[in-house]
């Protein structure tokens, strides 16, 4: 098992200081590149006002971000399986910056939406493929390592919204998009060089995964179930994450307060993601995902009953703390139940489903608001989808207990 044609043997690499240094670089890249996932939430009110459209129409660019991220995750994951993570990271950074430049120069909402599709494709390389790559470098600490690799996305969500809001308020959303595109280009590309090494042989790694696996399903069945669960959990997740800024504006608290709540939500999501890694190393990915999904439903239920400013700050923090570990749990499940040589593509498909869920949930919540004049029905819609995700995880656990076996490819 070799790192590269002339590299050290795997026992010197797995769970080693080299692996932890690589993880640190990965978190930095995903923190910067993750801006593509979060900038539009803050820009939504400004873009809606600029083009004079409805809330549902103004949510279209976010939907395109999610669609681009979903499709891009599969393509970038497959490319990472074949060529290593550095290639999709380099390509993704160029596409990400191009998307921000195009959005800034777009004369109408439809072109802004298409540009955000490029943004989604570009930033997809720094999420799913990055988690997969890091999973190849850890065995005993795989859960926490994958969770930390996913933390960069939420660190981006915690750091970027207030910054983006400040620049939008002083310079406008178009100039802000130009600045983001340039910043990503000049900061990420030098870091890609540090990610060139590959750990390509995972025989021991896969043997360990086989001993952990207990699913009585075919790979296709398990893949489909994970994808359905991913759509359901992220439709529910999208309501607060996509619309909290606009929700606070509607309640009269101002969009700046909403941006702060989004930042707090994602900041507590960092804690959740790290904690989920420790938990998954002890109880497995499925149980960790089930725990996060149940608690996410609790937070959504609280949004129905409390809309005071202080209450929304507290509930947003709880929402982040409860749901932050859900998406990384899918990566851990994939690495527990599928061969590592397929991990990038398999996880890309699951993450595509989660992003489709975010896209659907973001658009659906805006449509429900337009139809009802409030977000109450949108929160109820999120609860219903969340129940579907919980039901699938409970069923998976029940079946696994009855007939433990490994789902071979």
Protein backbone atom coordinates (compact mmCIF):
# COMPACT_ATOMS: atom_id res chain seq x y z
CA UNK A 1 0.00 0.00 0.00
CA UNK A 2 1.76 3.16 -1.20
CA UNK A 3 1.17 6.87 -0.95
CA UNK A 4 2.64 7.55 -4.41
CA UNK A 5 5.15 5.81 -6.70
CA UNK A 6 8.01 7.04 -4.49
CA UNK A 7 6.07 7.85 -1.32
CA UNK A 8 6.07 6.24 2.15
CA UNK A 9 4.23 3.05 2.94
CA UNK A 10 0.68 3.35 4.20
CA UNK A 11 1.40 2.38 7.83
CA UNK A 12 3.47 5.58 8.02
CA UNK A 13 0.63 7.62 6.53
CA UNK A 14 -2.69 6.40 7.95
CA UNK A 15 -3.63 8.47 11.04
CA UNK A 16 -0.16 10.05 10.88
CA UNK A 17 0.99 13.68 11.33
CA UNK A 18 1.10 13.86 7.52
CA UNK A 19 -2.58 12.99 7.41
CA UNK A 20 -3.44 15.61 10.03
CA UNK A 21 -1.49 18.29 8.16
CA UNK A 22 -3.37 17.38 5.01
CA UNK A 23 -6.62 17.70 6.94
CA UNK A 24 -5.65 21.21 8.08
CA UNK A 25 -5.08 22.30 4.48
CA UNK A 26 -8.38 20.70 3.45
CA UNK A 27 -10.30 22.62 6.12
CA UNK A 28 -8.70 25.87 4.98
CA UNK A 29 -9.63 25.28 1.35
CA UNK A 30 -13.22 24.31 2.15
CA UNK A 31 -13.60 27.34 4.44
CA UNK A 32 -12.69 29.67 1.60
CA UNK A 33 -14.42 27.75 -1.21
CA UNK A 34 -17.51 27.18 0.93
CA UNK A 35 -18.55 30.80 0.40
CA UNK A 36 -20.43 29.59 -2.68
CA UNK A 37 -22.90 27.77 -0.46
CA UNK A 38 -23.75 30.71 1.78
CA UNK A 39 -23.31 34.06 0.05
CA UNK A 40 -26.66 33.99 -1.73
CA UNK A 41 -28.68 33.70 1.49
CA UNK A 42 -27.36 37.12 2.49
CA UNK A 43 -27.70 38.58 -1.02
CA UNK A 44 -31.28 37.34 -1.50
CA UNK A 45 -33.10 40.51 -0.26
CA UNK A 46 -30.81 42.79 -2.29
CA UNK A 47 -31.19 40.72 -5.46
CA UNK A 48 -34.98 40.57 -4.99
CA UNK A 49 -35.14 44.35 -4.62
CA UNK A 50 -32.79 44.94 -7.56
CA UNK A 51 -34.87 42.92 -10.02
CA UNK A 52 -38.31 43.54 -8.45
CA UNK A 53 -39.37 39.88 -8.34
CA UNK A 54 -41.25 37.63 -5.92
CA UNK A 55 -39.56 35.74 -3.09
CA UNK A 56 -39.92 32.43 -4.96
CA UNK A 57 -38.37 33.92 -8.12
CA UNK A 58 -35.58 35.51 -6.12
CA UNK A 59 -34.80 32.09 -4.61
CA UNK A 60 -34.03 30.65 -8.07
CA UNK A 61 -30.27 31.43 -7.94
CA UNK A 62 -30.02 29.47 -4.70
CA UNK A 63 -31.76 26.55 -6.38
CA UNK A 64 -29.20 26.74 -9.16
CA UNK A 65 -26.36 26.76 -6.62
CA UNK A 66 -27.76 23.57 -5.13
CA UNK A 67 -28.27 21.93 -8.53
CA UNK A 68 -24.77 22.88 -9.62
CA UNK A 69 -23.32 21.66 -6.33
CA UNK A 70 -25.27 18.41 -6.64
CA UNK A 71 -24.23 17.58 -10.20
CA UNK A 72 -20.74 18.93 -9.68
CA UNK A 73 -20.25 16.76 -6.62
CA UNK A 74 -20.77 13.59 -8.65
CA UNK A 75 -18.48 14.73 -11.47
CA UNK A 76 -15.79 16.02 -9.14
CA UNK A 77 -16.04 12.90 -6.98
CA UNK A 78 -15.57 10.63 -9.97
CA UNK A 79 -12.64 12.74 -11.13
CA UNK A 80 -11.10 12.55 -7.65
CA UNK A 81 -11.47 8.73 -7.65
CA UNK A 82 -9.45 8.62 -10.88
CA UNK A 83 -6.98 11.49 -10.58
CA UNK A 84 -6.78 12.54 -6.95
CA UNK A 85 -8.27 15.56 -5.22
CA UNK A 86 -5.91 18.22 -6.61
CA UNK A 87 -7.33 18.06 -10.15
CA UNK A 88 -10.99 18.70 -9.25
CA UNK A 89 -9.92 21.33 -6.69
CA UNK A 90 -8.03 23.30 -9.34
CA UNK A 91 -10.83 23.04 -11.90
CA UNK A 92 -13.46 23.83 -9.28
CA UNK A 93 -11.68 26.99 -8.13
CA UNK A 94 -11.57 28.36 -11.66
CA UNK A 95 -15.27 27.63 -12.16
CA UNK A 96 -16.16 29.12 -8.77
CA UNK A 97 -14.45 32.42 -9.51
CA UNK A 98 -15.90 32.53 -13.02
CA UNK A 99 -19.39 32.08 -11.54
CA UNK A 100 -18.99 35.05 -9.19
CA UNK A 101 -17.64 37.24 -11.99
CA UNK A 102 -20.54 36.25 -14.27
CA UNK A 103 -23.15 36.91 -11.56
CA UNK A 104 -21.77 40.40 -10.95
CA UNK A 105 -22.06 41.29 -14.64
CA UNK A 106 -25.46 39.66 -15.30
CA UNK A 107 -28.22 42.06 -16.47
CA UNK A 108 -31.19 39.90 -15.42
CA UNK A 109 -32.22 37.34 -12.83
CA UNK A 110 -32.03 34.37 -15.21
CA UNK A 111 -28.37 34.99 -15.98
CA UNK A 112 -27.68 35.54 -12.29
CA UNK A 113 -29.27 32.13 -11.66
CA UNK A 114 -27.13 30.46 -14.36
CA UNK A 115 -24.01 32.06 -12.90
CA UNK A 116 -24.91 30.67 -9.50
CA UNK A 117 -25.11 27.25 -11.11
CA UNK A 118 -21.42 27.66 -11.96
CA UNK A 119 -20.75 28.75 -8.38
CA UNK A 120 -22.37 25.54 -7.16
CA UNK A 121 -20.28 23.38 -9.49
CA UNK A 122 -17.11 25.16 -8.46
CA UNK A 123 -17.50 24.89 -4.72
CA UNK A 124 -18.63 21.24 -4.88
CA UNK A 125 -15.00 20.10 -5.23
CA UNK A 126 -14.14 21.39 -1.77
CA UNK A 127 -16.87 19.42 0.01
CA UNK A 128 -17.81 15.84 -0.89
CA UNK A 129 -14.60 14.92 -2.76
CA UNK A 130 -12.60 16.49 0.06
CA UNK A 131 -14.33 14.35 2.69
CA UNK A 132 -13.72 11.26 0.58
CA UNK A 133 -10.05 12.10 0.11
CA UNK A 134 -9.52 12.63 3.84
CA UNK A 135 -11.28 9.34 4.64
CA UNK A 136 -8.49 7.53 2.75
CA UNK A 137 -5.87 8.91 5.14
CA UNK A 138 -7.51 7.82 8.41
CA UNK A 139 -8.75 4.56 9.88
CA UNK A 140 -9.02 4.67 13.68
CA UNK A 141 -9.97 8.37 13.65
CA UNK A 142 -11.93 8.35 10.41
CA UNK A 143 -15.15 9.68 11.93
CA UNK A 144 -13.61 12.76 13.48
CA UNK A 145 -11.35 13.32 10.44
CA UNK A 146 -14.28 13.28 8.00
CA UNK A 147 -16.30 15.50 10.34
CA UNK A 148 -13.43 18.00 10.51
CA UNK A 149 -13.12 17.95 6.71
CA UNK A 150 -16.81 18.87 6.57
CA UNK A 151 -16.37 21.59 9.20
CA UNK A 152 -14.80 23.91 6.63
CA UNK A 153 -18.15 24.24 4.89
CA UNK A 154 -19.79 25.39 8.12
CA UNK A 155 -16.83 27.56 9.10
CA UNK A 156 -17.48 29.30 5.80
CA UNK A 157 -21.12 29.66 6.80
CA UNK A 158 -20.15 31.15 10.15
CA UNK A 159 -17.53 33.57 8.80
CA UNK A 160 -18.80 34.66 5.40
CA UNK A 161 -22.41 35.91 5.96
CA UNK A 162 -21.51 38.92 8.17
CA UNK A 163 -18.65 39.81 5.82
CA UNK A 164 -20.84 39.53 2.74
CA UNK A 165 -23.62 41.52 4.42
CA UNK A 166 -21.19 44.31 5.32
CA UNK A 167 -19.85 44.60 1.78
CA UNK A 168 -23.33 44.42 0.25
CA UNK A 169 -24.53 47.24 2.51
CA UNK A 170 -21.57 49.45 1.58
CA UNK A 171 -20.71 48.47 -2.00
CA UNK A 172 -23.72 46.57 -3.39
CA UNK A 173 -24.16 42.91 -4.21
CA UNK A 174 -22.49 43.10 -7.64
CA UNK A 175 -19.19 44.55 -6.38
CA UNK A 176 -19.28 42.07 -3.52
CA UNK A 177 -19.55 39.16 -5.94
CA UNK A 178 -16.58 40.45 -7.93
CA UNK A 179 -14.52 40.67 -4.75
CA UNK A 180 -15.44 37.15 -3.64
CA UNK A 181 -14.48 35.66 -7.01
CA UNK A 182 -11.09 37.35 -6.99
CA UNK A 183 -10.38 36.41 -3.37
CA UNK A 184 -11.14 32.72 -3.99
CA UNK A 185 -8.91 32.63 -7.04
CA UNK A 186 -5.81 34.08 -5.38
CA UNK A 187 -6.11 32.18 -2.09
CA UNK A 188 -7.23 28.65 -3.03
CA UNK A 189 -5.01 27.92 -6.01
CA UNK A 190 -1.71 27.99 -4.05
CA UNK A 191 -3.19 25.61 -1.46
CA UNK A 192 -4.16 23.06 -4.11
CA UNK A 193 -0.46 22.30 -4.60
CA UNK A 194 -0.30 20.86 -1.06
CA UNK A 195 -3.03 18.33 -1.91
CA UNK A 196 -1.21 16.62 -4.80
CA UNK A 197 -0.21 13.43 -2.94
CA UNK A 198 -2.50 10.41 -3.16
CA UNK A 199 -3.10 7.40 -0.96
CA UNK A 200 -4.26 5.07 -3.71
CA UNK A 201 -4.23 1.57 -2.20
CA UNK A 202 -6.86 0.96 0.49
CA UNK A 203 -6.91 -2.83 0.91
CA UNK A 204 -6.37 -2.79 4.68
CA UNK A 205 -8.67 0.19 4.94
CA UNK A 206 -11.47 -1.69 3.16
CA UNK A 207 -10.97 -4.83 5.25
CA UNK A 208 -11.58 -2.72 8.33
CA UNK A 209 -14.71 -1.27 6.76
CA UNK A 210 -16.00 -4.76 5.96
CA UNK A 211 -15.69 -5.82 9.59
CA UNK A 212 -17.80 -2.83 10.64
CA UNK A 213 -20.55 -3.17 8.08
CA UNK A 214 -23.84 -4.82 9.04
CA UNK A 215 -26.30 -3.92 6.31
CA UNK A 216 -28.49 -6.68 4.81
CA UNK A 217 -29.03 -4.73 1.57
CA UNK A 218 -27.63 -4.78 -1.92
CA UNK A 219 -25.44 -1.78 -2.81
CA UNK A 220 -28.18 -0.43 -5.09
CA UNK A 221 -30.86 -0.64 -2.40
CA UNK A 222 -28.67 1.04 0.17
CA UNK A 223 -27.66 3.74 -2.30
CA UNK A 224 -31.30 4.52 -3.15
CA UNK A 225 -32.34 4.63 0.52
CA UNK A 226 -29.49 6.99 1.38
CA UNK A 227 -30.41 9.25 -1.53
CA UNK A 228 -34.08 9.42 -0.51
CA UNK A 229 -33.08 10.14 3.08
CA UNK A 230 -30.69 12.83 1.84
CA UNK A 231 -33.43 14.62 -0.09
CA UNK A 232 -35.81 14.47 2.87
CA UNK A 233 -33.43 15.71 5.56
CA UNK A 234 -32.23 18.61 3.43
CA UNK A 235 -35.68 19.81 2.39
CA UNK A 236 -36.23 20.22 6.12
CA UNK A 237 -32.80 21.78 6.64
CA UNK A 238 -33.28 24.34 3.87
CA UNK A 239 -36.15 26.23 5.51
CA UNK A 240 -34.13 27.95 8.28
CA UNK A 241 -30.82 28.06 6.43
CA UNK A 242 -32.13 29.60 3.20
CA UNK A 243 -34.85 31.87 4.57
CA UNK A 244 -33.75 32.95 8.05
CA UNK A 245 -32.42 36.28 6.73
CA UNK A 246 -35.61 37.04 4.81
CA UNK A 247 -37.74 35.73 7.73
CA UNK A 248 -36.14 38.21 10.12
CA UNK A 249 -36.68 41.00 7.61
CA UNK A 250 -40.37 40.11 7.38
CA UNK A 251 -40.70 40.11 11.17
CA UNK A 252 -39.25 43.61 11.30
CA UNK A 253 -35.92 42.69 12.88
CA UNK A 254 -33.87 43.56 9.79
CA UNK A 255 -31.76 41.45 7.45
CA UNK A 256 -28.60 42.17 9.46
CA UNK A 257 -30.12 40.31 12.43
CA UNK A 258 -30.97 37.45 10.11
CA UNK A 259 -27.39 37.32 8.82
CA UNK A 260 -26.20 37.15 12.42
CA UNK A 261 -28.57 34.27 13.13
CA UNK A 262 -27.34 32.41 10.06
CA UNK A 263 -23.79 32.93 11.22
CA UNK A 264 -24.64 31.68 14.72
CA UNK A 265 -26.52 28.71 13.26
CA UNK A 266 -23.54 27.64 11.21
CA UNK A 267 -21.08 28.44 13.99
CA UNK A 268 -22.87 26.00 16.29
CA UNK A 269 -22.98 23.64 13.31
CA UNK A 270 -19.19 23.49 13.53
CA UNK A 271 -19.49 22.20 17.09
CA UNK A 272 -22.11 19.71 15.94
CA UNK A 273 -19.96 18.41 13.09
CA UNK A 274 -16.95 17.86 15.31
CA UNK A 275 -19.07 16.17 17.97
CA UNK A 276 -20.73 13.98 15.35
CA UNK A 277 -17.31 12.67 14.33
CA UNK A 278 -16.53 11.53 17.86
CA UNK A 279 -20.01 10.01 18.16
CA UNK A 280 -19.77 8.20 14.81
CA UNK A 281 -16.42 6.65 15.80
CA UNK A 282 -18.31 5.03 18.68
CA UNK A 283 -21.83 4.23 17.44
CA UNK A 284 -21.51 4.29 13.64
CA UNK A 285 -22.80 6.54 10.88
CA UNK A 286 -26.44 5.42 10.75
CA UNK A 287 -27.10 5.96 14.46
CA UNK A 288 -25.33 9.33 14.35
CA UNK A 289 -27.46 10.38 11.40
CA UNK A 290 -30.63 9.27 13.16
CA UNK A 291 -29.73 11.25 16.29
CA UNK A 292 -29.08 14.41 14.30
CA UNK A 293 -32.30 14.05 12.30
CA UNK A 294 -34.48 13.64 15.40
CA UNK A 295 -32.93 16.71 17.02
CA UNK A 296 -33.31 18.71 13.79
CA UNK A 297 -37.03 17.99 13.95
CA UNK A 298 -37.13 19.30 17.51
CA UNK A 299 -35.58 22.60 16.42
CA UNK A 300 -38.01 22.97 13.50
CA UNK A 301 -40.88 22.41 15.92
CA UNK A 302 -39.57 25.21 18.16
CA UNK A 303 -39.55 27.65 15.22
CA UNK A 304 -43.32 27.14 14.97
CA UNK A 305 -43.96 28.47 18.46
CA UNK A 306 -41.40 31.18 19.07
CA UNK A 307 -40.62 34.18 16.85
CA UNK A 308 -39.27 36.76 19.30
CA UNK A 309 -35.83 38.15 18.52
CA UNK A 310 -34.11 36.52 21.49
CA UNK A 311 -35.96 33.25 20.89
CA UNK A 312 -34.89 33.15 17.25
CA UNK A 313 -31.25 33.61 18.22
CA UNK A 314 -31.50 30.71 20.68
CA UNK A 315 -33.42 28.41 18.33
CA UNK A 316 -31.05 29.16 15.44
CA UNK A 317 -28.13 28.18 17.67
CA UNK A 318 -29.95 24.97 18.64
CA UNK A 319 -30.77 24.22 15.01
CA UNK A 320 -27.10 24.48 14.09
CA UNK A 321 -26.06 22.40 17.08
CA UNK A 322 -28.59 19.68 16.23
CA UNK A 323 -28.24 19.32 12.46
CA UNK A 324 -24.59 20.12 11.76
CA UNK A 325 -23.50 16.49 11.85
CA UNK A 326 -26.15 15.12 9.50
CA UNK A 327 -24.39 15.52 6.14
CA UNK A 328 -20.96 14.27 7.31
CA UNK A 329 -22.74 11.19 8.66
CA UNK A 330 -23.60 10.24 5.07
CA UNK A 331 -19.89 10.31 4.21
CA UNK A 332 -19.13 8.02 7.15
CA UNK A 333 -21.93 5.63 6.16
CA UNK A 334 -20.57 5.45 2.61
CA UNK A 335 -17.08 4.64 3.89
CA UNK A 336 -18.49 2.01 6.26
CA UNK A 337 -20.52 0.16 3.64
CA UNK A 338 -18.84 0.66 0.24
CA UNK A 339 -15.33 -0.01 -1.16
CA UNK A 340 -12.98 2.97 -0.99
CA UNK A 341 -12.31 2.89 -4.73
CA UNK A 342 -15.99 3.83 -5.24
CA UNK A 343 -16.24 6.27 -2.33
CA UNK A 344 -16.00 9.50 -4.30
CA UNK A 345 -18.70 8.53 -6.77
CA UNK A 346 -20.96 6.93 -4.14
CA UNK A 347 -20.74 9.90 -1.81
CA UNK A 348 -21.18 12.26 -4.74
CA UNK A 349 -24.51 10.61 -5.53
CA UNK A 350 -25.69 10.87 -1.93
CA UNK A 351 -24.59 14.48 -1.64
CA UNK A 352 -26.30 15.19 -4.95
CA UNK A 353 -29.51 13.99 -3.32
CA UNK A 354 -28.94 16.19 -0.27
CA UNK A 355 -28.29 19.21 -2.46
CA UNK A 356 -31.37 18.48 -4.53
CA UNK A 357 -33.21 18.45 -1.22
CA UNK A 358 -31.73 21.84 -0.31
CA UNK A 359 -32.66 23.20 -3.73
CA UNK A 360 -36.19 21.83 -3.48
CA UNK A 361 -36.57 22.98 0.11
CA UNK A 362 -35.30 26.50 -0.60
CA UNK A 363 -37.65 26.95 -3.55
CA UNK A 364 -40.58 25.20 -1.86
CA UNK A 365 -40.32 27.37 1.24
CA UNK A 366 -40.34 30.51 -0.90
CA UNK A 367 -43.37 29.25 -2.83
CA UNK A 368 -45.25 28.39 0.37
CA UNK A 369 -44.49 31.89 1.67
CA UNK A 370 -45.86 33.45 -1.52
CA UNK A 371 -49.03 31.34 -1.26
CA UNK A 372 -49.70 31.77 2.46
CA UNK A 373 -48.03 35.07 3.35
CA UNK A 374 -46.01 33.51 6.20
CA UNK A 375 -43.40 30.84 6.90
CA UNK A 376 -45.47 28.79 9.36
CA UNK A 377 -46.67 26.33 6.72
CA UNK A 378 -43.08 26.10 5.41
CA UNK A 379 -41.85 24.98 8.83
CA UNK A 380 -44.62 22.34 8.93
CA UNK A 381 -43.55 21.16 5.47
CA UNK A 382 -39.99 20.81 6.75
CA UNK A 383 -41.18 18.71 9.71
CA UNK A 384 -43.01 16.32 7.37
CA UNK A 385 -39.90 15.76 5.23
CA UNK A 386 -37.76 15.34 8.32
CA UNK A 387 -40.06 12.56 9.55
CA UNK A 388 -39.46 10.68 6.28
CA UNK A 389 -35.69 10.80 6.85
CA UNK A 390 -36.04 9.60 10.44
CA UNK A 391 -38.28 6.74 9.30
CA UNK A 392 -35.70 5.52 6.77
CA UNK A 393 -32.90 5.55 9.35
CA UNK A 394 -35.03 3.64 11.88
CA UNK A 395 -35.89 1.05 9.23
CA UNK A 396 -32.23 0.65 8.28
CA UNK A 397 -31.28 0.03 11.89
CA UNK A 398 -34.06 -2.49 12.42
CA UNK A 399 -33.14 -4.47 9.30
CA UNK A 400 -29.44 -4.40 10.19
CA UNK A 401 -30.12 -5.96 13.59
CA UNK A 402 -32.10 -8.80 12.06
CA UNK A 403 -29.61 -9.93 9.43
CA UNK A 404 -26.07 -8.53 9.69
CA UNK A 405 -23.99 -8.88 6.54
CA UNK A 406 -21.86 -6.68 4.32
CA UNK A 407 -23.25 -5.04 1.20
CA UNK A 408 -20.65 -6.03 -1.40
CA UNK A 409 -20.25 -4.21 -4.66
